[in-house]
Amino acid sequence: MNEPNWRSSAGIFGILGWIALWVILIASLSRRVGEWPILAQALFYLVAGIVWIVPLKPVLQWIETGRFRR
């Protein structure tokens, strides 16, 4: 097993920062989204709850390999 390096710490802080920004963005939209029909709200929050994961793939690859692309 590899020893932890600076990329692991930087990656973790980056991921936590991304999550915090995403939560702030979605929460700031909640007043407008709350006026939508309930099914539209459910779809919005379902998509928002999944989409935040997409940008993490390159970060996780960078933590593991030191490169953003294979």
C-alpha atoms as a PDB file:
ATOM      1  CA  MET A   1       0.000   0.000   0.000  1.00  0.00           C
ATOM      2  CA  ASN A   2       1.252   3.468  -0.869  1.00  0.00           C
ATOM      3  CA  GLU A   3       1.949   6.044   1.765  1.00  0.00           C
ATOM      4  CA  PRO A   4      -0.422   9.007   1.822  1.00  0.00           C
ATOM      5  CA  ASN A   5       1.011  12.010   0.028  1.00  0.00           C
ATOM      6  CA  TRP A   6       0.139  15.655  -0.375  1.00  0.00           C
ATOM      7  CA  ARG A   7      -2.243  14.884  -3.264  1.00  0.00           C
ATOM      8  CA  SER A   8      -4.480  12.908  -0.929  1.00  0.00           C
ATOM      9  CA  SER A   9      -4.841  15.806   1.493  1.00  0.00           C
ATOM     10  CA  ALA A  10      -5.246  18.392  -1.262  1.00  0.00           C
ATOM     11  CA  GLY A  11      -7.791  16.193  -3.030  1.00  0.00           C
ATOM     12  CA  ILE A  12      -9.831  15.646   0.107  1.00  0.00           C
ATOM     13  CA  PHE A  13      -9.925  19.380   0.858  1.00  0.00           C
ATOM     14  CA  GLY A  14     -10.823  20.080  -2.765  1.00  0.00           C
ATOM     15  CA  ILE A  15     -13.670  17.574  -2.649  1.00  0.00           C
ATOM     16  CA  LEU A  16     -14.970  19.001   0.619  1.00  0.00           C
ATOM     17  CA  GLY A  17     -14.775  22.511  -0.848  1.00  0.00           C
ATOM     18  CA  TRP A  18     -16.690  21.374  -3.944  1.00  0.00           C
ATOM     19  CA  ILE A  19     -19.388  19.782  -1.786  1.00  0.00           C
ATOM     20  CA  ALA A  20     -19.711  22.969   0.284  1.00  0.00           C
ATOM     21  CA  LEU A  21     -20.039  25.120  -2.842  1.00  0.00           C
ATOM     22  CA  TRP A  22     -22.586  22.734  -4.362  1.00  0.00           C
ATOM     23  CA  VAL A  23     -24.684  22.750  -1.181  1.00  0.00           C
ATOM     24  CA  ILE A  24     -24.617  26.556  -1.062  1.00  0.00           C
ATOM     25  CA  LEU A  25     -25.646  26.769  -4.724  1.00  0.00           C
ATOM     26  CA  ILE A  26     -28.525  24.317  -4.391  1.00  0.00           C
ATOM     27  CA  ALA A  27     -29.698  25.842  -1.102  1.00  0.00           C
ATOM     28  CA  SER A  28     -29.673  29.306  -2.673  1.00  0.00           C
ATOM     29  CA  LEU A  29     -32.041  28.018  -5.355  1.00  0.00           C
ATOM     30  CA  SER A  30     -34.425  26.409  -2.863  1.00  0.00           C
ATOM     31  CA  ARG A  31     -36.794  29.385  -2.634  1.00  0.00           C
ATOM     32  CA  ARG A  32     -37.370  29.385  -6.404  1.00  0.00           C
ATOM     33  CA  VAL A  33     -37.505  25.607  -6.629  1.00  0.00           C
ATOM     34  CA  GLY A  34     -40.022  25.553  -3.772  1.00  0.00           C
ATOM     35  CA  GLU A  35     -42.507  27.355  -6.028  1.00  0.00           C
ATOM     36  CA  TRP A  36     -42.354  24.591  -8.654  1.00  0.00           C
ATOM     37  CA  PRO A  37     -44.775  21.655  -8.804  1.00  0.00           C
ATOM     38  CA  ILE A  38     -43.786  18.874  -6.419  1.00  0.00           C
ATOM     39  CA  LEU A  39     -42.713  16.445  -9.170  1.00  0.00           C
ATOM     40  CA  ALA A  40     -40.470  19.100 -10.748  1.00  0.00           C
ATOM     41  CA  GLN A  41     -38.925  19.728  -7.324  1.00  0.00           C
ATOM     42  CA  ALA A  42     -38.322  16.028  -6.831  1.00  0.00           C
ATOM     43  CA  LEU A  43     -36.688  15.734 -10.250  1.00  0.00           C
ATOM     44  CA  PHE A  44     -34.519  18.811  -9.615  1.00  0.00           C
ATOM     45  CA  TYR A  45     -33.263  17.524  -6.269  1.00  0.00           C
ATOM     46  CA  LEU A  46     -32.739  14.036  -7.652  1.00  0.00           C
ATOM     47  CA  VAL A  47     -30.600  15.374 -10.493  1.00  0.00           C
ATOM     48  CA  ALA A  48     -28.781  17.838  -8.210  1.00  0.00           C
ATOM     49  CA  GLY A  49     -28.066  14.998  -5.793  1.00  0.00           C
ATOM     50  CA  ILE A  50     -26.363  12.972  -8.523  1.00  0.00           C
ATOM     51  CA  VAL A  51     -24.726  15.588 -10.779  1.00  0.00           C
ATOM     52  CA  TRP A  52     -22.297  16.857  -8.130  1.00  0.00           C
ATOM     53  CA  ILE A  53     -20.432  13.545  -8.363  1.00  0.00           C
ATOM     54  CA  VAL A  54     -19.456  13.943 -12.055  1.00  0.00           C
ATOM     55  CA  PRO A  55     -16.604  16.471 -11.551  1.00  0.00           C
ATOM     56  CA  LEU A  56     -15.037  14.264  -8.885  1.00  0.00           C
ATOM     57  CA  LYS A  57     -13.806  11.561 -11.283  1.00  0.00           C
ATOM     58  CA  PRO A  58     -10.798  13.557 -12.563  1.00  0.00           C
ATOM     59  CA  VAL A  59      -9.938  14.654  -9.024  1.00  0.00           C
ATOM     60  CA  LEU A  60      -9.999  11.069  -7.776  1.00  0.00           C
ATOM     61  CA  GLN A  61      -7.830  10.000 -10.719  1.00  0.00           C
ATOM     62  CA  TRP A  62      -5.391  12.798  -9.905  1.00  0.00           C
ATOM     63  CA  ILE A  63      -5.202  11.719  -6.268  1.00  0.00           C
ATOM     64  CA  GLU A  64      -4.491   8.148  -7.338  1.00  0.00           C
ATOM     65  CA  THR A  65      -2.132   8.693 -10.291  1.00  0.00           C
ATOM     66  CA  GLY A  66      -0.958  12.300 -10.252  1.00  0.00           C
ATOM     67  CA  ARG A  67      -2.598  12.889 -13.655  1.00  0.00           C
ATOM     68  CA  PHE A  68      -6.089  14.125 -14.485  1.00  0.00           C
ATOM     69  CA  ARG A  69      -6.377  11.826 -17.490  1.00  0.00           C
ATOM     70  CA  ARG A  70      -5.181   8.295 -17.989  1.00  0.00           C
END
